[in-house]
Amino acid sequence: MTARREVPESAAPETDAPRAVVIGGGIAGLATAVLLAREGYDVRLLERNESLGGRAATLSRDGFRFELGPSWYLMPAAFEHFFRLAGTSTDEQLDLVTLDPAYRVFPEPRGGDREPPLTVPLGAERVRQSFDRLEPGGGAVLQRYLASASEAAELAERYFLYNPFTSLRSLLDRRLLRRLPRVLRLLFTPLDRFVAARFAHPVLRQVLGYPAVFLGTSPSAAPAVYHLMSELDLGEGVRYPMGGFASVVASLERLATAAGVTITTSAEAEEILTERPGAAVGAGRFRRPRFRPGVTGVRWRDSSGATSVAQADVVVSAADLHHTETELLPPALRSYPERWWTRRVSGPGAILVLLGVRGELPELPHHSLFFARDWTENFDAIFGGDPRIPEPASIYVCKPSATDPDVAPVGHENLFVLVPVPADRSIGEETVQAGGDRAPDPRLAEVADAVVDQIERWAGVPGLRERVVTRTVLGPADFVREYHSWRGGMLGPAHTLRQSAMFRAQNESRRVSGLFYAGATTAPGVGVPMCLISAELVLKRIRGDRSPGPLPE
């Protein structure tokens, strides 16, 4: 989609429909726009980049199509629920394939000898058998572990994920109170300790602890309640939307357009505009007095530098929350000022290595995890007091060409390699040399070389480096430039206990009436399903709905 100029607001016809402006055309922004348009709002969406998707972006190069963001399709019920709220269904919108195997784990070799990989198959019984092979009796322990995870997931959905936390009564349900002692134990026990009490084999501990990374934290800092994540991949299985997450973005764009949303790309929001306290703002029958400053619109700039104002009764920022609060609002109107952020923990940054490879790679399934042996040292490098790029790193490798033939030329494979690193915006920054030439950060190339060698050695892929026909490397500095990412993090604030559920930044400004927040940097948290839920939380806030669970479909 290319940028386009709209009819000036002053020339638009009068309407009784309330006006909403959504900042950001990623998953959360598009989902919010869809729900607000169906609620009766006249919605305009502003996206700063030339294409939609936000962190679910794609890059086409040399005949390969690389995804730059999410690649695990988990929590299918959250997708289905959102699509039903939008008047459709997952089956109508996406072509899903269930992966078998779900993924494969490659441990760090000992000396010169490769360790046998652990293949995690599709199906609970087969998964239990794979655990039994590494740890006698591990399958039965896993069955109890996943039963606990399933219960935790059900409680999370019913009482926490969809809860706007605007009423204490939402947490006083008798069923939740009966389970309160267990919930408190899960909240105050670290995930790594919870897993270690049940499994001895180091690889099994890593499989059950690694989901913490997808929550932006380490197994020692994540509450054990997040063991629910294991129910999503080991219990429910892993799916892939054909076309990748670009197909999810395209689906949301279709739904938004059909609902009447006006989408403008190459539109950089510069300021959220507000009215004085007590002013009557709104349109037609929606006019009401506000005793806090109320939003009146968004000033934005197009690719030519020309500025415009999109008038609004409601503004939803689905951009990075730190950027929204510290750049788009004056200091007096910030609910989350800079001092608030100094007390928060960021999730990891990422170096992304995008590889086009000649020939087949049968050693790698669609998803692979490469686990360093020194688990504690690995996470300390990312989250500890002396942050540094881990060596060797525990990495994630996605080979979408295992499932989707359209992501690579015939006879080639597409590899997306994610290397978790500290959230350090200097990683990947270019430096200016004498004469004005710009030099890339050498650390990116060094990491890319290291992970290619790591995949070759740990997975037993002969001559991988010589088979690479195209390579692109991105780092935290690119996340800052493309997404205004706080500290260059790839996800947002980490899901530690004090940054989860009601303790996470919420979806409504405390200082500005009519200003709301959606996306991974606010509640309920990181990941595509959470972004869809954040859109629903905004709708609940606007409606004044205090219920803790999903809205009726």
Protein backbone atom coordinates (compact mmCIF):
# COMPACT_ATOMS: atom_id res chain seq x y z
CA MET A 1 0.00 0.00 0.00
CA THR A 2 1.36 3.41 -0.93
CA ALA A 3 0.80 6.68 0.87
CA ARG A 4 -2.15 8.76 -0.14
CA ARG A 5 -3.55 12.18 0.74
CA GLU A 6 -7.07 12.47 2.05
CA VAL A 7 -9.77 15.15 1.68
CA PRO A 8 -9.06 17.80 4.38
CA GLU A 9 -11.04 17.31 7.58
CA SER A 10 -12.74 20.69 7.16
CA ALA A 11 -14.25 19.51 3.86
CA ALA A 12 -15.58 16.25 5.27
CA PRO A 13 -19.38 16.01 5.64
CA GLU A 14 -20.90 16.42 9.11
CA THR A 15 -21.81 13.16 10.77
CA ASP A 16 -23.20 12.06 14.10
CA ALA A 17 -20.70 9.18 14.20
CA PRO A 18 -17.93 9.68 16.77
CA ARG A 19 -14.49 9.95 15.23
CA ALA A 20 -11.56 7.75 16.20
CA VAL A 21 -7.93 7.97 15.15
CA VAL A 22 -5.73 4.90 15.56
CA ILE A 23 -1.96 5.46 15.55
CA GLY A 24 -0.09 2.46 14.19
CA GLY A 25 -1.02 -0.09 11.56
CA GLY A 26 0.40 -3.21 13.19
CA ILE A 27 -1.70 -6.13 14.43
CA ALA A 28 -3.07 -4.22 17.43
CA GLY A 29 -3.81 -1.03 15.49
CA LEU A 30 -5.64 -2.84 12.71
CA ALA A 31 -7.59 -5.00 15.17
CA THR A 32 -8.62 -1.93 17.18
CA ALA A 33 -9.69 -0.10 14.02
CA VAL A 34 -11.88 -3.07 13.03
CA LEU A 35 -13.63 -3.24 16.41
CA LEU A 36 -14.18 0.52 16.66
CA ALA A 37 -15.57 0.73 13.13
CA ARG A 38 -18.02 -2.07 13.94
CA GLU A 39 -18.91 -0.15 17.11
CA GLY A 40 -20.06 2.78 14.98
CA TYR A 41 -16.97 4.97 14.94
CA ASP A 42 -15.68 6.83 11.90
CA VAL A 43 -12.12 5.48 12.06
CA ARG A 44 -8.92 6.76 10.50
CA LEU A 45 -5.73 4.72 10.90
CA LEU A 46 -2.28 6.36 10.55
CA GLU A 47 0.74 4.16 9.83
CA ARG A 48 4.21 5.72 9.71
CA ASN A 49 5.72 3.14 7.35
CA GLU A 50 4.84 2.55 3.70
CA SER A 51 3.17 -0.77 4.45
CA LEU A 52 1.02 -2.16 7.23
CA GLY A 53 1.98 -4.82 9.73
CA GLY A 54 4.25 -3.09 12.23
CA ARG A 55 6.54 -5.68 13.75
CA ALA A 56 4.78 -8.33 11.64
CA ALA A 57 6.56 -6.89 8.61
CA THR A 58 8.02 -8.71 5.61
CA LEU A 59 11.08 -8.16 3.46
CA SER A 60 11.38 -9.39 -0.14
CA ARG A 61 14.91 -9.87 -1.43
CA ASP A 62 16.48 -11.90 -4.23
CA GLY A 63 13.35 -14.00 -4.73
CA PHE A 64 12.91 -14.75 -1.01
CA ARG A 65 10.17 -13.38 1.24
CA PHE A 66 11.31 -13.03 4.82
CA GLU A 67 9.07 -12.33 7.79
CA LEU A 68 10.64 -10.01 10.34
CA GLY A 69 8.36 -10.63 13.30
CA PRO A 70 6.09 -13.32 14.75
CA SER A 71 6.20 -16.82 13.32
CA TRP A 72 4.59 -19.07 15.98
CA TYR A 73 0.81 -19.34 15.63
CA LEU A 74 -0.33 -20.13 19.16
CA MET A 75 -3.56 -19.53 21.14
CA PRO A 76 -5.87 -20.32 18.21
CA ALA A 77 -8.90 -19.66 20.45
CA ALA A 78 -7.86 -16.01 20.78
CA PHE A 79 -7.73 -15.64 17.00
CA GLU A 80 -11.09 -17.36 16.56
CA HIS A 81 -12.69 -15.19 19.24
CA PHE A 82 -11.42 -11.98 17.63
CA PHE A 83 -12.57 -13.00 14.16
CA ARG A 84 -16.03 -13.82 15.51
CA LEU A 85 -16.20 -10.38 17.14
CA ALA A 86 -15.33 -9.03 13.69
CA GLY A 87 -18.22 -10.96 12.12
CA THR A 88 -16.19 -13.72 10.50
CA SER A 89 -14.12 -16.77 11.45
CA THR A 90 -10.58 -18.09 11.30
CA ASP A 91 -11.58 -20.61 8.61
CA GLU A 92 -12.87 -17.78 6.41
CA GLN A 93 -9.79 -15.62 6.91
CA LEU A 94 -6.75 -17.91 7.15
CA ASP A 95 -5.42 -21.13 5.67
CA LEU A 96 -3.90 -22.89 8.69
CA VAL A 97 -1.56 -25.88 8.57
CA THR A 98 -0.78 -27.90 11.71
CA LEU A 99 2.95 -28.62 11.94
CA ASP A 100 4.34 -32.10 12.56
CA PRO A 101 6.84 -32.03 14.12
CA ALA A 102 5.96 -28.96 16.14
CA TYR A 103 9.66 -28.18 16.46
CA ARG A 104 13.10 -29.70 17.07
CA VAL A 105 15.63 -28.92 19.79
CA PHE A 106 19.37 -29.03 19.10
CA PRO A 107 21.54 -29.07 22.26
CA GLU A 108 25.05 -27.62 22.28
CA PRO A 109 27.59 -30.32 21.29
CA ARG A 110 29.97 -31.71 23.89
CA GLY A 111 33.49 -31.48 22.57
CA GLY A 112 33.41 -32.58 18.95
CA ASP A 113 30.35 -34.77 19.26
CA ARG A 114 26.85 -33.60 18.35
CA GLU A 115 24.11 -34.29 20.83
CA PRO A 116 21.05 -36.09 19.45
CA PRO A 117 18.24 -33.59 18.87
CA LEU A 118 14.89 -33.78 20.61
CA THR A 119 12.01 -33.78 18.14
CA VAL A 120 8.74 -32.53 19.62
CA PRO A 121 5.99 -34.24 17.59
CA LEU A 122 2.33 -33.41 17.14
CA GLY A 123 0.00 -35.07 19.63
CA ALA A 124 0.06 -35.30 23.41
CA GLU A 125 0.78 -39.05 23.55
CA ARG A 126 3.73 -38.77 21.16
CA VAL A 127 5.09 -35.80 23.12
CA ARG A 128 4.92 -37.86 26.33
CA GLN A 129 6.84 -40.65 24.62
CA SER A 130 9.55 -38.22 23.53
CA PHE A 131 9.92 -37.05 27.13
CA ASP A 132 10.09 -40.66 28.36
CA ARG A 133 13.00 -41.32 26.03
CA LEU A 134 15.08 -38.62 27.75
CA GLU A 135 13.86 -39.13 31.30
CA PRO A 136 12.18 -42.37 32.45
CA GLY A 137 8.75 -41.48 33.79
CA GLY A 138 8.98 -38.03 32.24
CA GLY A 139 5.87 -38.60 30.13
CA ALA A 140 3.64 -39.14 33.16
CA VAL A 141 5.11 -36.07 34.87
CA LEU A 142 4.51 -34.09 31.69
CA GLN A 143 0.88 -35.20 31.61
CA ARG A 144 0.36 -33.74 35.10
CA TYR A 145 2.36 -30.64 34.16
CA LEU A 146 0.19 -29.97 31.11
CA ALA A 147 -2.99 -30.56 33.10
CA SER A 148 -1.80 -27.84 35.47
CA ALA A 149 -0.86 -25.63 32.51
CA SER A 150 -4.31 -26.13 30.98
CA GLU A 151 -6.01 -25.08 34.22
CA ALA A 152 -3.75 -22.02 34.48
CA ALA A 153 -4.55 -21.08 30.87
CA GLU A 154 -8.29 -21.36 31.54
CA LEU A 155 -8.03 -19.14 34.64
CA ALA A 156 -5.89 -16.62 32.74
CA GLU A 157 -8.45 -16.33 29.95
CA ARG A 158 -11.44 -16.13 32.29
CA TYR A 159 -10.05 -13.66 34.84
CA PHE A 160 -6.87 -11.93 33.65
CA LEU A 161 -6.15 -11.65 29.92
CA TYR A 162 -9.43 -9.97 28.95
CA ASN A 163 -9.82 -8.06 32.23
CA PRO A 164 -9.61 -4.24 32.01
CA PHE A 165 -9.03 -4.22 35.79
CA THR A 166 -11.45 -1.35 36.33
CA SER A 167 -13.39 -3.18 39.05
CA LEU A 168 -12.13 -5.16 42.04
CA ARG A 169 -15.28 -7.28 41.81
CA SER A 170 -13.90 -8.88 38.65
CA LEU A 171 -11.38 -10.74 40.84
CA LEU A 172 -13.82 -11.71 43.61
CA ASP A 173 -15.42 -14.59 41.73
CA ARG A 174 -15.96 -17.60 43.98
CA ARG A 175 -14.26 -20.00 41.57
CA LEU A 176 -11.12 -17.85 41.43
CA LEU A 177 -11.08 -17.36 45.22
CA ARG A 178 -11.18 -21.14 45.73
CA ARG A 179 -8.05 -21.42 43.63
CA LEU A 180 -6.34 -18.40 45.16
CA PRO A 181 -3.74 -20.34 47.22
CA ARG A 182 -2.61 -22.20 44.09
CA VAL A 183 -2.62 -19.02 41.99
CA LEU A 184 -0.49 -17.23 44.59
CA ARG A 185 2.02 -20.11 44.62
CA LEU A 186 2.29 -19.90 40.83
CA LEU A 187 2.73 -16.14 40.96
CA PHE A 188 5.50 -16.17 43.55
CA THR A 189 7.43 -19.23 42.32
CA PRO A 190 9.92 -18.65 39.47
CA LEU A 191 9.27 -20.73 36.37
CA ASP A 192 12.73 -22.33 36.38
CA ARG A 193 12.28 -23.53 39.97
CA PHE A 194 8.79 -24.84 39.18
CA VAL A 195 10.16 -26.85 36.23
CA ALA A 196 13.25 -28.10 38.11
CA ALA A 197 11.05 -29.56 40.84
CA ARG A 198 9.50 -31.86 38.23
CA PHE A 199 12.19 -32.65 35.63
CA ALA A 200 15.88 -33.50 35.92
CA HIS A 201 17.03 -33.70 32.31
CA PRO A 202 18.56 -30.36 31.25
CA VAL A 203 17.03 -30.36 27.77
CA LEU A 204 13.53 -31.01 29.12
CA ARG A 205 14.02 -28.18 31.60
CA GLN A 206 15.03 -25.94 28.72
CA VAL A 207 12.03 -26.92 26.60
CA LEU A 208 9.69 -26.00 29.46
CA GLY A 209 11.59 -22.86 30.46
CA TYR A 210 12.26 -21.35 27.05
CA PRO A 211 8.70 -19.96 26.57
CA ALA A 212 9.81 -17.25 29.00
CA VAL A 213 11.81 -15.76 26.11
CA PHE A 214 8.60 -15.33 24.11
CA LEU A 215 7.33 -13.40 27.14
CA GLY A 216 10.36 -11.14 27.08
CA THR A 217 12.07 -12.47 30.18
CA SER A 218 14.14 -15.34 31.62
CA PRO A 219 12.88 -18.54 33.29
CA SER A 220 14.24 -17.28 36.62
CA ALA A 221 12.26 -14.00 36.40
CA ALA A 222 8.99 -15.31 34.90
CA PRO A 223 6.29 -16.37 37.38
CA ALA A 224 5.47 -20.07 37.25
CA VAL A 225 1.92 -19.21 36.20
CA TYR A 226 3.41 -18.84 32.73
CA HIS A 227 3.93 -22.59 32.55
CA LEU A 228 0.56 -22.28 30.81
CA MET A 229 2.59 -21.51 27.67
CA SER A 230 3.59 -25.17 27.44
CA GLU A 231 -0.05 -26.16 27.00
CA LEU A 232 -0.10 -24.01 23.86
CA ASP A 233 2.71 -25.77 21.97
CA LEU A 234 3.04 -29.20 23.64
CA GLY A 235 -0.69 -29.67 24.22
CA GLU A 236 -2.53 -27.82 21.45
CA GLY A 237 0.22 -28.04 18.82
CA VAL A 238 1.73 -25.39 16.57
CA ARG A 239 0.06 -24.05 13.42
CA TYR A 240 1.24 -21.98 10.50
CA PRO A 241 -0.92 -19.58 8.47
CA MET A 242 -0.06 -20.10 4.80
CA GLY A 243 1.50 -16.90 3.58
CA GLY A 244 2.93 -16.35 7.05
CA PHE A 245 1.78 -13.64 9.43
CA ALA A 246 1.56 -11.36 6.42
CA SER A 247 -1.69 -13.23 5.74
CA VAL A 248 -2.95 -12.23 9.21
CA VAL A 249 -2.10 -8.59 8.47
CA ALA A 250 -3.83 -8.83 5.08
CA SER A 251 -6.92 -10.32 6.71
CA LEU A 252 -7.12 -7.50 9.25
CA GLU A 253 -6.65 -4.92 6.49
CA ARG A 254 -9.52 -6.46 4.51
CA LEU A 255 -11.77 -6.41 7.55
CA ALA A 256 -10.83 -2.81 8.36
CA THR A 257 -11.45 -1.63 4.81
CA ALA A 258 -14.78 -3.45 4.65
CA ALA A 259 -15.81 -1.80 7.92
CA GLY A 260 -15.09 1.64 6.46
CA VAL A 261 -11.75 2.42 8.08
CA THR A 262 -9.69 5.07 6.27
CA ILE A 263 -6.08 3.83 6.16
CA THR A 264 -3.22 6.24 5.51
CA THR A 265 0.35 4.99 5.27
CA SER A 266 3.58 7.03 5.37
CA ALA A 267 1.78 9.08 8.04
CA GLU A 268 3.95 9.85 11.05
CA ALA A 269 2.00 10.93 14.13
CA GLU A 270 3.70 13.97 15.66
CA GLU A 271 1.38 15.06 18.46
CA ILE A 272 -1.80 13.98 20.24
CA LEU A 273 -3.91 17.13 20.48
CA THR A 274 -6.05 17.88 23.55
CA GLU A 275 -8.72 20.32 24.72
CA ARG A 276 -8.78 22.16 28.04
CA PRO A 277 -10.42 20.38 31.02
CA GLY A 278 -14.18 20.68 31.22
CA ALA A 279 -14.66 21.47 27.55
CA ALA A 280 -17.54 19.82 25.74
CA VAL A 281 -15.95 17.71 23.04
CA GLY A 282 -17.35 15.10 20.71
CA ALA A 283 -19.67 14.95 17.74
CA GLY A 284 -23.45 15.31 17.76
CA ARG A 285 -25.14 13.20 20.41
CA PHE A 286 -21.73 12.02 21.65
CA ARG A 287 -20.79 15.47 23.01
CA ARG A 288 -20.07 15.39 26.72
CA PRO A 289 -18.10 17.48 29.22
CA ARG A 290 -14.71 16.18 30.28
CA PHE A 291 -13.01 17.21 33.49
CA ARG A 292 -9.63 16.05 32.32
CA PRO A 293 -8.11 17.35 29.12
CA GLY A 294 -9.80 15.48 26.29
CA VAL A 295 -8.36 14.44 22.96
CA THR A 296 -9.31 16.49 19.91
CA GLY A 297 -7.13 14.88 17.26
CA VAL A 298 -3.70 13.91 16.00
CA ARG A 299 -1.27 16.06 14.08
CA TRP A 300 0.60 13.95 11.52
CA ARG A 301 3.21 14.40 8.81
CA ASP A 302 3.29 12.73 5.40
CA SER A 303 6.34 11.60 3.42
CA SER A 304 6.70 15.03 1.78
CA GLY A 305 6.85 16.76 5.16
CA ALA A 306 3.38 18.33 4.91
CA THR A 307 1.39 18.23 8.16
CA SER A 308 -2.33 17.63 8.65
CA VAL A 309 -4.69 17.25 11.59
CA ALA A 310 -7.03 14.29 11.94
CA GLN A 311 -9.79 15.34 14.31
CA ALA A 312 -10.98 12.79 16.86
CA ASP A 313 -13.19 12.15 19.85
CA VAL A 314 -11.15 9.06 20.66
CA VAL A 315 -7.47 8.38 19.98
CA VAL A 316 -5.96 4.92 20.31
CA SER A 317 -2.20 4.69 20.12
CA ALA A 318 -1.02 1.24 19.10
CA ALA A 319 2.50 2.59 18.72
CA ASP A 320 5.23 1.82 21.26
CA LEU A 321 3.88 3.12 24.59
CA HIS A 322 7.14 4.78 25.61
CA HIS A 323 7.21 6.72 22.34
CA THR A 324 3.53 7.67 22.67
CA GLU A 325 3.91 8.96 26.20
CA THR A 326 7.26 10.71 25.95
CA GLU A 327 7.08 12.08 22.39
CA LEU A 328 3.42 12.60 21.49
CA LEU A 329 2.20 14.12 24.77
CA PRO A 330 3.42 17.10 26.82
CA PRO A 331 4.97 16.27 30.22
CA ALA A 332 1.91 17.29 32.23
CA LEU A 333 -0.31 14.79 30.40
CA ARG A 334 1.88 11.70 30.64
CA SER A 335 0.51 8.74 32.58
CA TYR A 336 3.81 6.90 32.09
CA PRO A 337 6.57 9.56 32.13
CA GLU A 338 10.26 8.85 31.71
CA ARG A 339 10.78 8.27 35.45
CA TRP A 340 8.19 5.45 35.27
CA TRP A 341 10.21 3.72 32.57
CA THR A 342 13.45 3.87 34.59
CA ARG A 343 11.86 1.39 36.99
CA ARG A 344 10.78 -1.03 34.27
CA VAL A 345 12.58 -4.04 32.78
CA SER A 346 12.72 -4.38 29.02
CA GLY A 347 12.37 -7.65 27.22
CA PRO A 348 15.35 -8.72 25.09
CA GLY A 349 16.54 -7.14 21.91
CA ALA A 350 17.15 -9.28 18.84
CA ILE A 351 19.59 -9.72 16.02
CA LEU A 352 17.70 -11.12 13.04
CA VAL A 353 19.69 -13.07 10.45
CA LEU A 354 17.74 -13.67 7.22
CA LEU A 355 19.30 -16.34 5.04
CA GLY A 356 18.48 -17.59 1.57
CA VAL A 357 20.12 -21.00 1.16
CA ARG A 358 20.77 -23.05 -1.97
CA GLY A 359 19.58 -26.65 -1.76
CA GLU A 360 17.39 -28.45 0.76
CA LEU A 361 17.92 -28.53 4.53
CA PRO A 362 16.20 -31.76 5.68
CA GLU A 363 17.94 -31.52 9.05
CA LEU A 364 15.74 -28.54 10.00
CA PRO A 365 11.94 -28.67 10.39
CA HIS A 366 9.74 -25.57 10.26
CA HIS A 367 10.77 -24.51 13.81
CA SER A 368 14.05 -25.28 15.58
CA LEU A 369 15.56 -24.22 18.90
CA PHE A 370 19.30 -24.30 19.56
CA PHE A 371 20.03 -24.37 23.31
CA ALA A 372 23.38 -23.43 24.81
CA ARG A 373 24.45 -25.71 27.63
CA ASP A 374 25.17 -22.92 30.13
CA TRP A 375 21.60 -21.73 30.51
CA THR A 376 22.28 -19.38 33.43
CA GLU A 377 25.18 -17.65 31.68
CA ASN A 378 23.08 -17.26 28.54
CA PHE A 379 20.30 -15.37 30.28
CA ASP A 380 22.70 -13.41 32.46
CA ALA A 381 24.32 -12.04 29.31
CA ILE A 382 20.94 -10.73 28.14
CA PHE A 383 19.33 -9.59 31.39
CA GLY A 384 22.19 -9.33 33.91
CA GLY A 385 24.15 -6.36 35.21
CA ASP A 386 26.84 -6.68 32.53
CA PRO A 387 24.76 -7.02 29.33
CA ARG A 388 26.50 -8.48 26.29
CA ILE A 389 25.76 -10.57 23.22
CA PRO A 390 25.72 -14.22 24.38
CA GLU A 391 28.39 -16.55 23.00
CA PRO A 392 27.25 -19.08 22.08
CA ALA A 393 23.69 -17.85 21.96
CA SER A 394 20.53 -19.89 22.36
CA ILE A 395 18.80 -19.19 19.06
CA TYR A 396 15.52 -19.80 17.28
CA VAL A 397 15.51 -20.85 13.61
CA CYS A 398 12.41 -20.79 11.41
CA LYS A 399 12.40 -22.53 8.02
CA PRO A 400 9.01 -21.52 6.58
CA SER A 401 9.97 -23.05 3.24
CA ALA A 402 9.39 -26.42 4.94
CA THR A 403 5.66 -25.64 4.73
CA ASP A 404 5.18 -22.70 2.37
CA PRO A 405 6.71 -22.98 -1.13
CA ASP A 406 6.12 -19.29 -1.90
CA VAL A 407 8.76 -17.94 0.49
CA ALA A 408 11.80 -19.14 -1.49
CA PRO A 409 12.78 -19.87 -5.11
CA VAL A 410 12.57 -23.48 -6.26
CA GLY A 411 15.52 -25.49 -4.95
CA HIS A 412 16.23 -23.07 -2.08
CA GLU A 413 15.35 -22.69 1.60
CA ASN A 414 14.37 -19.66 3.63
CA LEU A 415 15.86 -19.32 7.13
CA PHE A 416 14.89 -16.74 9.75
CA VAL A 417 17.31 -16.79 12.69
CA LEU A 418 16.49 -14.91 15.89
CA VAL A 419 19.33 -14.26 18.33
CA PRO A 420 18.13 -12.82 21.67
CA VAL A 421 20.50 -10.08 22.83
CA PRO A 422 20.29 -7.26 25.38
CA ALA A 423 17.83 -4.46 24.62
CA ASP A 424 20.57 -2.07 23.58
CA ARG A 425 19.74 0.43 20.86
CA SER A 426 23.43 0.82 19.98
CA ILE A 427 23.61 -2.74 18.61
CA GLY A 428 23.32 -2.35 14.86
CA GLU A 429 23.87 1.42 14.80
CA GLU A 430 25.94 2.69 11.91
CA THR A 431 28.95 4.88 12.65
CA VAL A 432 30.02 7.90 10.63
CA GLN A 433 33.56 7.61 9.29
CA ALA A 434 35.97 10.27 8.14
CA GLY A 435 34.64 11.80 4.94
CA GLY A 436 31.03 11.14 5.96
CA ASP A 437 30.85 7.47 4.95
CA ARG A 438 28.66 5.30 7.16
CA ALA A 439 29.98 1.98 8.42
CA PRO A 440 27.75 -0.86 9.68
CA ASP A 441 28.12 -2.20 13.19
CA PRO A 442 30.63 -5.06 12.81
CA ARG A 443 28.90 -7.00 15.57
CA LEU A 444 26.00 -7.85 13.27
CA ALA A 445 28.22 -9.60 10.73
CA GLU A 446 30.13 -11.36 13.50
CA VAL A 447 26.90 -12.71 15.02
CA ALA A 448 25.59 -13.75 11.59
CA ASP A 449 28.79 -15.68 10.85
CA ALA A 450 28.66 -17.32 14.28
CA VAL A 451 25.06 -18.50 14.00
CA VAL A 452 25.58 -19.92 10.49
CA ASP A 453 28.51 -21.93 11.85
CA GLN A 454 26.40 -22.89 14.89
CA ILE A 455 23.56 -24.24 12.77
CA GLU A 456 26.03 -26.11 10.56
CA ARG A 457 27.77 -27.76 13.51
CA TRP A 458 24.93 -28.35 15.97
CA ALA A 459 22.39 -29.59 13.41
CA GLY A 460 24.90 -31.35 11.15
CA VAL A 461 24.27 -29.27 8.03
CA PRO A 462 27.33 -29.67 5.77
CA GLY A 463 28.72 -26.60 3.96
CA LEU A 464 25.95 -24.27 5.08
CA ARG A 465 28.03 -21.09 4.87
CA GLU A 466 28.97 -21.76 1.24
CA ARG A 467 25.31 -22.36 0.33
CA VAL A 468 24.05 -18.98 1.56
CA VAL A 469 23.06 -16.96 -1.52
CA THR A 470 21.59 -13.92 0.25
CA ARG A 471 21.95 -12.58 3.77
CA THR A 472 20.37 -9.64 5.63
CA VAL A 473 21.12 -8.82 9.25
CA LEU A 474 19.06 -6.49 11.46
CA GLY A 475 19.60 -5.41 15.06
CA PRO A 476 18.01 -3.43 17.90
CA ALA A 477 18.89 -0.14 16.18
CA ASP A 478 16.57 -1.17 13.33
CA PHE A 479 13.74 -1.75 15.82
CA VAL A 480 14.24 1.80 17.10
CA ARG A 481 14.26 3.26 13.59
CA GLU A 482 11.30 1.28 12.23
CA TYR A 483 9.04 0.97 15.29
CA HIS A 484 10.22 3.61 17.82
CA SER A 485 10.99 0.62 20.02
CA TRP A 486 11.81 1.40 23.66
CA ARG A 487 15.52 0.67 24.19
CA GLY A 488 15.52 -1.33 20.96
CA GLY A 489 13.61 -4.25 22.49
CA MET A 490 11.97 -6.69 20.10
CA LEU A 491 8.89 -7.30 22.27
CA GLY A 492 8.25 -4.68 24.94
CA PRO A 493 8.40 -4.70 28.75
CA ALA A 494 9.30 -8.12 30.16
CA HIS A 495 6.59 -10.27 31.72
CA THR A 496 7.96 -10.27 35.24
CA LEU A 497 5.42 -10.42 38.06
CA ARG A 498 5.36 -6.65 38.55
CA GLN A 499 4.88 -6.12 34.80
CA SER A 500 2.05 -8.61 34.25
CA ALA A 501 -1.77 -8.39 34.36
CA MET A 502 -2.98 -5.47 36.53
CA PHE A 503 0.64 -4.44 37.18
CA ARG A 504 1.35 -3.82 33.50
CA ALA A 505 0.69 -0.46 31.84
CA GLN A 506 -3.04 -0.39 31.22
CA ASN A 507 -5.06 0.53 28.13
CA GLU A 508 -6.37 3.98 29.08
CA SER A 509 -4.61 7.23 29.88
CA ARG A 510 -5.07 8.46 33.43
CA ARG A 511 -4.37 12.05 32.38
CA VAL A 512 -6.22 12.49 29.06
CA SER A 513 -9.86 11.65 28.49
CA GLY A 514 -10.50 9.70 25.30
CA LEU A 515 -6.89 8.45 24.95
CA PHE A 516 -6.34 4.68 24.90
CA TYR A 517 -3.44 2.30 24.28
CA ALA A 518 -3.17 -1.03 22.47
CA GLY A 519 -0.35 -3.35 21.51
CA ALA A 520 2.45 -5.42 23.01
CA THR A 521 3.83 -2.61 25.18
CA THR A 522 0.60 -2.38 27.18
CA ALA A 523 -1.87 -4.87 28.69
CA PRO A 524 -2.25 -7.78 28.40
CA GLY A 525 1.25 -8.21 26.92
CA VAL A 526 3.44 -9.42 24.09
CA GLY A 527 2.54 -11.66 21.18
CA VAL A 528 -0.02 -11.52 18.39
CA PRO A 529 -2.90 -13.02 20.43
CA MET A 530 -2.21 -10.46 23.19
CA CYS A 531 -2.32 -7.65 20.63
CA LEU A 532 -5.75 -8.85 19.48
CA ILE A 533 -6.91 -8.97 23.09
CA SER A 534 -5.57 -5.45 23.72
CA ALA A 535 -7.91 -4.18 20.99
CA GLU A 536 -10.80 -5.79 22.83
CA LEU A 537 -9.66 -4.21 26.11
CA VAL A 538 -9.77 -0.79 24.45
CA LEU A 539 -13.33 -1.48 23.31
CA LYS A 540 -14.28 -2.55 26.83
CA ARG A 541 -12.82 0.64 28.27
CA ILE A 542 -14.74 2.79 25.80
CA ARG A 543 -17.96 0.94 26.58
CA GLY A 544 -17.38 1.03 30.33
CA ASP A 545 -17.49 -2.79 30.37
CA ARG A 546 -15.82 -4.10 33.54
CA SER A 547 -16.24 -7.82 32.88
CA PRO A 548 -13.11 -9.98 33.26
CA GLY A 549 -13.63 -12.43 30.39
CA PRO A 550 -13.97 -12.30 26.60
CA LEU A 551 -16.86 -10.28 25.19
CA PRO A 552 -19.89 -12.24 23.95
CA GLU A 553 -19.51 -13.14 20.30
